[in-house]
Amino acid sequence: MLTIFSLGKKIKSVQDLQSVVKTMKILAAVSIRQYERAVASLSEYARTLEMGFQILLQSAPMERFLPQRTNTKRYGIIIFGSEQGMCGQFNEQIAAFAEKDMRERGISPENRVILSIGTRLESRLNSSGISAEHIMSLPSSVFGITAKALEVILKIESWQSGGIADFFIIYFNEYLSGSTFRQKALQILPLNPDWMRDLETKKWESRSLPAFTMDRTQLTLSLIRQYLFTSLYRCFAESLASENASRMLSMQAAEKNIDDKLNDLLSVYHQKRQTTITEELLDIVSGFEALTE
């Protein structure tokens, strides 16, 4: 049976855990905000890139940007998970979504190579029957996203030049609001034909179409590389925001459980303390009566 002293120690431990959970919940909320700002900062840059593609498409047919048709499609798969724990079913959900989507697309293990981003994702992928040939860690803050995005671009270019993959799909958790997010698949290469067709037919905002003196091939490659960078940067930021949203949700559930546990312990503690006080008073009264007699 627990004594008052042992109950007090247990209550202190639960209160310390409660403080840690509250701190983690606050840190997750702050992190979500910084990743939201990072995504918002890409809007104007993405718009500038879109205008650059629009100028190119006005002067060259769309077919020049599309890959040649082949009998076998080789896929480069990039899946974003988490680097840290205590984020609920975050990794399980994206692993299950990627497995289901690849199965529906008919992407067999023989025709794909997988890059897993987030060291805690690998075991979840294995549970879903997916084997990742390459593993990369996630940045710890928004300031590390640029370097990681460039690292992924180099990996994509090496897969392309080595004939390993020519179609590239990203699976990540897209942040919505509050503590909600959803799983999403994004094909980054080849460029989306529907998107390019819309740009090709879209009316230019001013009367004169800007000209360029740079070599068309070099300009195209440069724009595609920047497009890859913005797409990957957004995926990194969205996934990290979603990870913290999932962690915040887990901390909210943990906080509720801790509150319930703490209330139970305090109730037992007060009851035990009251019983002890009553027993001590009875002992004093009994002793007084015995001395009086």
Protein backbone atom coordinates (compact mmCIF):
# COMPACT_ATOMS: atom_id res chain seq x y z
CA MET A 1 0.00 0.00 0.00
CA LEU A 2 1.25 3.48 -0.89
CA THR A 3 2.19 5.77 1.95
CA ILE A 4 1.73 9.54 2.03
CA PHE A 5 5.44 9.98 1.35
CA SER A 6 5.45 7.65 -1.68
CA LEU A 7 2.24 9.29 -3.00
CA GLY A 8 3.87 12.70 -2.69
CA LYS A 9 6.88 11.54 -4.72
CA LYS A 10 4.61 10.04 -7.36
CA ILE A 11 2.59 13.26 -7.60
CA LYS A 12 5.81 15.26 -7.99
CA SER A 13 6.93 12.98 -10.84
CA VAL A 14 3.59 13.33 -12.63
CA GLN A 15 3.71 17.13 -12.22
CA ASP A 16 7.22 17.20 -13.74
CA LEU A 17 6.00 15.10 -16.67
CA GLN A 18 3.03 17.45 -17.06
CA SER A 19 5.43 20.40 -17.30
CA VAL A 20 7.51 18.63 -19.98
CA VAL A 21 4.41 17.82 -22.04
CA LYS A 22 3.18 21.42 -21.87
CA THR A 23 6.60 22.68 -22.98
CA MET A 24 6.69 20.26 -25.92
CA LYS A 25 3.20 21.33 -26.96
CA ILE A 26 4.25 24.99 -26.95
CA LEU A 27 7.43 24.22 -28.92
CA ALA A 28 5.41 22.27 -31.50
CA ALA A 29 3.02 25.21 -31.95
CA VAL A 30 5.94 27.64 -32.38
CA SER A 31 7.61 25.31 -34.90
CA ILE A 32 4.40 25.05 -36.94
CA ARG A 33 4.31 28.82 -37.23
CA GLN A 34 7.87 29.11 -38.56
CA TYR A 35 7.26 26.44 -41.20
CA GLU A 36 4.01 28.15 -42.21
CA ARG A 37 5.92 31.38 -42.79
CA ALA A 38 8.52 29.47 -44.82
CA VAL A 39 5.81 28.11 -47.14
CA ALA A 40 4.20 31.54 -47.48
CA SER A 41 7.54 33.11 -48.43
CA LEU A 42 7.73 30.84 -51.51
CA SER A 43 4.56 32.23 -53.09
CA GLU A 44 6.09 35.17 -54.94
CA TYR A 45 9.15 33.18 -55.96
CA ALA A 46 6.97 30.40 -57.34
CA ARG A 47 4.94 33.01 -59.23
CA THR A 48 8.14 34.39 -60.82
CA LEU A 49 9.17 30.88 -61.92
CA GLU A 50 5.73 30.32 -63.39
CA MET A 51 6.09 33.50 -65.45
CA GLY A 52 9.48 32.29 -66.68
CA PHE A 53 7.96 29.01 -67.87
CA GLN A 54 5.14 30.96 -69.48
CA ILE A 55 7.64 33.01 -71.54
CA LEU A 56 9.41 29.84 -72.66
CA LEU A 57 6.18 28.09 -73.61
CA GLN A 58 5.06 31.08 -75.64
CA SER A 59 8.17 30.71 -77.80
CA ALA A 60 8.57 26.89 -77.86
CA PRO A 61 6.13 23.95 -78.09
CA MET A 62 5.26 22.13 -74.88
CA GLU A 63 6.53 18.81 -76.30
CA ARG A 64 10.11 20.01 -75.90
CA PHE A 65 9.73 19.83 -72.12
CA LEU A 66 8.22 16.34 -72.02
CA PRO A 67 10.32 13.14 -71.86
CA GLN A 68 10.39 10.66 -74.70
CA ARG A 69 7.92 7.81 -74.34
CA THR A 70 9.44 4.52 -73.19
CA ASN A 71 7.96 1.08 -72.66
CA THR A 72 9.12 0.91 -69.04
CA LYS A 73 8.73 3.74 -66.57
CA ARG A 74 11.38 3.95 -63.89
CA TYR A 75 10.31 5.79 -60.75
CA GLY A 76 12.26 7.75 -58.18
CA ILE A 77 10.17 7.78 -54.99
CA ILE A 78 10.79 10.32 -52.21
CA ILE A 79 8.90 9.79 -48.93
CA PHE A 80 8.93 12.28 -46.06
CA GLY A 81 8.65 10.98 -42.48
CA SER A 82 9.85 12.24 -39.10
CA GLU A 83 13.24 12.60 -37.48
CA GLN A 84 11.92 12.58 -33.90
CA GLY A 85 9.39 10.54 -32.02
CA MET A 86 6.22 11.31 -30.04
CA CYS A 87 4.28 12.31 -33.15
CA GLY A 88 1.51 9.73 -33.06
CA GLN A 89 0.73 7.80 -36.24
CA PHE A 90 2.57 10.29 -38.46
CA ASN A 91 5.01 7.81 -40.04
CA GLU A 92 2.52 4.95 -40.18
CA GLN A 93 0.00 7.07 -42.09
CA ILE A 94 2.40 8.28 -44.78
CA ALA A 95 3.94 4.80 -45.19
CA ALA A 96 0.51 3.21 -45.66
CA PHE A 97 -0.53 5.99 -48.07
CA ALA A 98 2.63 5.60 -50.19
CA GLU A 99 2.25 1.82 -50.35
CA LYS A 100 -1.40 2.10 -51.44
CA ASP A 101 -0.72 4.82 -54.04
CA MET A 102 2.23 2.98 -55.59
CA ARG A 103 0.15 -0.19 -55.78
CA GLU A 104 -2.68 1.68 -57.51
CA ARG A 105 -0.24 3.27 -59.98
CA GLY A 106 1.25 -0.13 -60.75
CA ILE A 107 4.74 0.85 -59.55
CA SER A 108 6.49 -2.43 -58.87
CA PRO A 109 9.58 -2.79 -56.63
CA GLU A 110 11.64 -3.67 -59.72
CA ASN A 111 10.89 -0.30 -61.36
CA ARG A 112 11.46 2.03 -58.44
CA VAL A 113 14.16 3.40 -56.19
CA ILE A 114 13.17 4.95 -52.87
CA LEU A 115 14.65 7.78 -50.80
CA SER A 116 13.34 7.87 -47.22
CA ILE A 117 13.66 11.28 -45.56
CA GLY A 118 13.46 11.01 -41.77
CA THR A 119 15.30 8.27 -39.90
CA ARG A 120 12.20 7.10 -37.99
CA LEU A 121 10.32 6.37 -41.21
CA GLU A 122 12.40 3.37 -42.36
CA SER A 123 10.95 0.85 -39.90
CA ARG A 124 7.41 1.95 -40.77
CA LEU A 125 8.15 1.52 -44.48
CA ASN A 126 9.47 -1.97 -43.82
CA SER A 127 6.24 -2.79 -41.98
CA SER A 128 4.32 -1.71 -45.10
CA GLY A 129 6.48 -3.90 -47.34
CA ILE A 130 8.57 -1.02 -48.72
CA SER A 131 12.36 -1.13 -48.77
CA ALA A 132 14.20 2.21 -48.96
CA GLU A 133 17.55 2.10 -50.77
CA HIS A 134 18.56 5.56 -49.51
CA ILE A 135 17.93 7.30 -46.17
CA MET A 136 18.36 10.99 -45.37
CA SER A 137 17.89 12.92 -42.14
CA LEU A 138 15.58 15.90 -41.74
CA PRO A 139 16.75 19.40 -40.78
CA SER A 140 16.13 20.48 -37.19
CA SER A 141 14.84 23.93 -38.16
CA VAL A 142 13.70 25.98 -41.15
CA PHE A 143 17.26 27.24 -41.66
CA GLY A 144 18.46 23.77 -42.67
CA ILE A 145 15.83 23.15 -45.35
CA THR A 146 17.76 24.82 -48.18
CA ALA A 147 20.81 22.56 -47.83
CA LYS A 148 18.66 19.44 -47.60
CA ALA A 149 16.58 20.42 -50.64
CA LEU A 150 19.74 20.89 -52.68
CA GLU A 151 20.99 17.50 -51.48
CA VAL A 152 17.80 15.86 -52.75
CA ILE A 153 18.14 17.67 -56.10
CA LEU A 154 21.63 16.23 -56.49
CA LYS A 155 20.22 12.78 -55.76
CA ILE A 156 17.50 13.26 -58.40
CA GLU A 157 20.05 14.41 -60.98
CA SER A 158 22.27 11.40 -60.25
CA TRP A 159 19.30 9.06 -60.72
CA GLN A 160 18.47 10.74 -64.02
CA SER A 161 22.01 10.74 -65.39
CA GLY A 162 22.51 7.12 -64.31
CA GLY A 163 19.30 5.99 -66.01
CA ILE A 164 17.92 4.82 -62.66
CA ALA A 165 14.71 6.89 -62.75
CA ASP A 166 12.92 9.33 -65.04
CA PHE A 167 9.60 9.79 -63.17
CA PHE A 168 9.75 11.30 -59.70
CA ILE A 169 6.97 11.24 -57.09
CA ILE A 170 7.01 12.75 -53.60
CA TYR A 171 4.86 11.45 -50.75
CA PHE A 172 4.47 13.82 -47.82
CA ASN A 173 2.04 15.08 -45.21
CA GLU A 174 0.53 18.40 -46.25
CA TYR A 175 -0.24 20.78 -43.38
CA LEU A 176 -3.78 22.22 -43.34
CA SER A 177 -4.43 24.15 -40.13
CA GLY A 178 -4.32 23.76 -36.37
CA SER A 179 -3.36 20.14 -35.75
CA THR A 180 -4.74 18.75 -39.03
CA PHE A 181 -2.85 17.49 -42.07
CA ARG A 182 -3.36 15.05 -44.93
CA GLN A 183 -1.27 12.69 -47.01
CA LYS A 184 -0.41 13.85 -50.52
CA ALA A 185 1.38 12.55 -53.64
CA LEU A 186 3.14 15.05 -55.91
CA GLN A 187 4.80 14.23 -59.24
CA ILE A 188 7.58 16.74 -59.71
CA LEU A 189 9.16 15.31 -62.87
CA PRO A 190 8.26 15.24 -65.68
CA LEU A 191 6.52 18.59 -65.45
CA ASN A 192 2.74 18.36 -65.23
CA PRO A 193 1.39 18.56 -68.85
CA ASP A 194 -1.91 20.10 -67.73
CA TRP A 195 -0.10 22.84 -65.82
CA MET A 196 2.16 23.54 -68.80
CA ARG A 197 -0.79 23.57 -71.20
CA ASP A 198 -2.52 26.17 -69.03
CA LEU A 199 0.61 28.32 -69.03
CA GLU A 200 0.97 27.92 -72.79
CA THR A 201 -2.53 29.28 -73.43
CA LYS A 202 -2.57 31.80 -70.58
CA LYS A 203 -2.65 35.43 -71.65
CA TRP A 204 0.36 37.51 -70.67
CA GLU A 205 -0.55 40.29 -68.27
CA SER A 206 1.20 43.12 -70.14
CA ARG A 207 1.15 44.05 -73.84
CA SER A 208 4.70 42.95 -74.64
CA LEU A 209 6.20 39.53 -73.93
CA PRO A 210 9.66 39.77 -72.31
CA ALA A 211 12.59 38.53 -74.38
CA PHE A 212 15.62 36.58 -73.21
CA THR A 213 19.16 36.38 -74.57
CA MET A 214 20.28 33.36 -72.55
CA ASP A 215 20.62 30.01 -74.34
CA ARG A 216 17.15 28.41 -74.36
CA THR A 217 18.38 24.99 -73.15
CA GLN A 218 20.36 26.47 -70.29
CA LEU A 219 17.44 28.69 -69.31
CA THR A 220 15.06 25.72 -69.37
CA LEU A 221 17.36 23.60 -67.19
CA SER A 222 17.82 26.49 -64.79
CA LEU A 223 14.06 27.04 -64.46
CA ILE A 224 13.43 23.32 -63.95
CA ARG A 225 16.11 23.19 -61.26
CA GLN A 226 14.55 26.18 -59.48
CA TYR A 227 11.13 24.57 -59.82
CA LEU A 228 12.51 21.42 -58.19
CA PHE A 229 14.00 23.48 -55.39
CA THR A 230 10.76 25.33 -54.60
CA SER A 231 8.75 22.08 -54.76
CA LEU A 232 11.14 20.25 -52.44
CA TYR A 233 11.46 23.22 -50.08
CA ARG A 234 7.67 23.33 -49.80
CA CYS A 235 7.48 19.57 -49.16
CA PHE A 236 10.11 19.83 -46.41
CA ALA A 237 8.30 22.73 -44.73
CA GLU A 238 4.84 21.17 -45.10
CA SER A 239 6.02 17.81 -43.75
CA LEU A 240 7.82 19.37 -40.77
CA ALA A 241 4.77 21.50 -39.97
CA SER A 242 2.58 18.38 -40.16
CA GLU A 243 4.98 16.45 -37.93
CA ASN A 244 4.74 19.15 -35.27
CA ALA A 245 0.95 19.27 -35.70
CA SER A 246 0.83 15.52 -35.07
CA ARG A 247 3.14 15.93 -32.07
CA MET A 248 0.98 18.73 -30.68
CA LEU A 249 -2.08 16.49 -31.02
CA SER A 250 -0.26 13.67 -29.21
CA MET A 251 0.83 16.06 -26.46
CA GLN A 252 -2.75 17.27 -26.02
CA ALA A 253 -3.91 13.69 -25.55
CA ALA A 254 -1.00 12.99 -23.18
CA GLU A 255 -1.75 16.16 -21.23
CA LYS A 256 -5.36 15.08 -20.72
CA ASN A 257 -4.28 11.63 -19.52
CA ILE A 258 -1.74 13.19 -17.15
CA ASP A 259 -4.36 15.58 -15.77
CA ASP A 260 -6.72 12.67 -15.11
CA LYS A 261 -3.92 10.67 -13.46
CA LEU A 262 -2.85 13.65 -11.36
CA ASN A 263 -6.41 14.27 -10.17
CA ASP A 264 -6.72 10.61 -9.16
CA LEU A 265 -3.42 10.71 -7.27
CA LEU A 266 -4.33 13.97 -5.52
CA SER A 267 -7.68 12.53 -4.50
CA VAL A 268 -6.02 9.44 -3.03
CA TYR A 269 -3.34 11.61 -1.39
CA HIS A 270 -5.87 13.90 0.32
CA GLN A 271 -7.97 10.93 1.40
CA LYS A 272 -4.89 9.17 2.75
CA ARG A 273 -3.72 12.32 4.51
CA GLN A 274 -7.12 12.88 6.08
CA THR A 275 -7.21 9.27 7.27
CA THR A 276 -3.74 9.59 8.77
CA ILE A 277 -4.67 12.81 10.58
CA THR A 278 -7.85 11.21 11.91
CA GLU A 279 -5.90 8.16 13.17
CA GLU A 280 -3.34 10.41 14.88
CA LEU A 281 -6.10 12.42 16.59
CA LEU A 282 -7.77 9.21 17.80
CA ASP A 283 -4.43 8.01 19.17
CA ILE A 284 -3.98 11.30 21.03
CA VAL A 285 -7.52 11.15 22.47
CA SER A 286 -7.07 7.50 23.49
CA GLY A 287 -3.75 8.30 25.14
CA PHE A 288 -5.23 11.26 27.00
CA GLU A 289 -8.12 9.13 28.24
CA ALA A 290 -5.75 6.41 29.37
CA LEU A 291 -3.61 8.91 31.32
CA THR A 292 -6.71 10.48 32.88
CA GLU A 293 -7.98 7.14 34.12
